[in-house]
Amino acid sequence: MDTSIIGALITGAFTVLAVVITNTYQNRRAAEEMAVKLALIKQEIETLSDRVDKHNSVIERTYKLEQRTAVLEEKAKVANHRITDLEEDE
């Protein structure tokens, strides 16, 4: 074989090898970066989930307080009617 062909084949082989090594390195690096981003997203989702749980707890307590307030208001109305009835009977 001609030396120029052998030289071109060797150069081509090294070029292909360099491209494969570079691509492998970049893929690993991209995978590591993606894993870090995924971990951050998971942490943020957990934080948001905790905040939603706290919010829902406040809403539930507020609803219960509103129910109790309605019951107390109704009892106050009944008591006021009784007082009014007793005052009229005198």
Protein backbone atom coordinates (compact mmCIF):
# COMPACT_ATOMS: atom_id res chain seq x y z
CA MET A 1 0.00 0.00 0.00
CA ASP A 2 0.97 3.50 -0.56
CA THR A 3 2.25 5.40 2.49
CA SER A 4 -0.20 8.23 1.89
CA ILE A 5 -3.13 5.81 2.08
CA ILE A 6 -1.77 4.27 5.28
CA GLY A 7 -1.27 7.73 6.74
CA ALA A 8 -4.82 8.72 5.80
CA LEU A 9 -6.23 5.54 7.37
CA ILE A 10 -4.29 6.11 10.59
CA THR A 11 -5.39 9.75 10.69
CA GLY A 12 -9.01 8.73 10.04
CA ALA A 13 -8.86 6.10 12.77
CA PHE A 14 -7.51 8.57 15.31
CA THR A 15 -10.14 11.11 14.27
CA VAL A 16 -12.95 8.59 14.77
CA LEU A 17 -11.44 7.56 18.11
CA ALA A 18 -11.25 11.20 19.23
CA VAL A 19 -14.89 11.80 18.23
CA VAL A 20 -16.06 8.67 20.09
CA ILE A 21 -14.15 9.67 23.24
CA THR A 22 -15.47 13.24 23.10
CA ASN A 23 -19.06 12.12 22.57
CA THR A 24 -18.83 9.62 25.41
CA TYR A 25 -17.47 12.27 27.76
CA GLN A 26 -20.15 14.79 26.77
CA ASN A 27 -22.92 12.22 27.18
CA ARG A 28 -21.72 11.30 30.66
CA ARG A 29 -21.46 14.95 31.62
CA ALA A 30 -24.95 15.67 30.27
CA ALA A 31 -26.32 12.69 32.19
CA GLU A 32 -24.72 13.92 35.42
CA GLU A 33 -26.12 17.42 34.89
CA MET A 34 -29.55 15.98 34.19
CA ALA A 35 -29.38 13.90 37.38
CA VAL A 36 -28.55 17.03 39.40
CA LYS A 37 -31.41 18.94 37.80
CA LEU A 38 -33.78 16.05 38.43
CA ALA A 39 -32.77 15.93 42.10
CA LEU A 40 -33.42 19.67 42.42
CA ILE A 41 -36.81 19.32 40.77
CA LYS A 42 -37.75 16.47 43.12
CA GLN A 43 -36.71 18.55 46.12
CA GLU A 44 -38.74 21.50 44.88
CA ILE A 45 -41.78 19.27 44.33
CA GLU A 46 -41.48 17.93 47.89
CA THR A 47 -41.26 21.48 49.25
CA LEU A 48 -44.29 22.56 47.25
CA SER A 49 -46.16 19.45 48.36
CA ASP A 50 -45.45 20.30 52.00
CA ARG A 51 -46.67 23.84 51.46
CA VAL A 52 -49.86 22.61 49.80
CA ASP A 53 -50.48 20.24 52.71
CA LYS A 54 -50.11 23.13 55.18
CA HIS A 55 -52.44 25.27 53.09
CA ASN A 56 -55.04 22.51 52.93
CA SER A 57 -54.80 22.09 56.69
CA VAL A 58 -55.52 25.79 57.17
CA ILE A 59 -58.48 25.59 54.79
CA GLU A 60 -59.91 22.60 56.67
CA ARG A 61 -59.53 24.34 60.03
CA THR A 62 -61.11 27.51 58.63
CA TYR A 63 -64.07 25.51 57.32
CA LYS A 64 -64.57 23.88 60.73
CA LEU A 65 -64.35 27.27 62.45
CA GLU A 66 -66.94 28.69 60.05
CA GLN A 67 -69.26 25.78 60.87
CA ARG A 68 -68.83 26.34 64.60
CA THR A 69 -69.41 30.05 64.17
CA ALA A 70 -72.64 29.37 62.28
CA VAL A 71 -73.83 27.06 65.09
CA LEU A 72 -72.95 29.65 67.74
CA GLU A 73 -74.72 32.40 65.78
CA GLU A 74 -77.84 30.23 65.55
CA LYS A 75 -77.69 29.53 69.29
CA ALA A 76 -77.34 33.26 69.95
CA LYS A 77 -80.42 33.96 67.78
CA VAL A 78 -82.42 31.32 69.66
CA ALA A 79 -81.30 32.76 73.00
CA ASN A 80 -82.22 36.28 71.89
CA HIS A 81 -85.70 35.10 70.82
CA ARG A 82 -86.18 33.41 74.20
CA ILE A 83 -85.13 36.57 76.01
CA THR A 84 -87.48 38.62 73.86
CA ASP A 85 -90.33 36.15 74.53
CA LEU A 86 -89.63 36.26 78.28
CA GLU A 87 -89.58 40.08 78.27
CA GLU A 88 -92.91 40.18 76.42
CA ASP A 89 -94.52 37.76 78.90
CA GLU A 90 -93.77 40.08 81.82
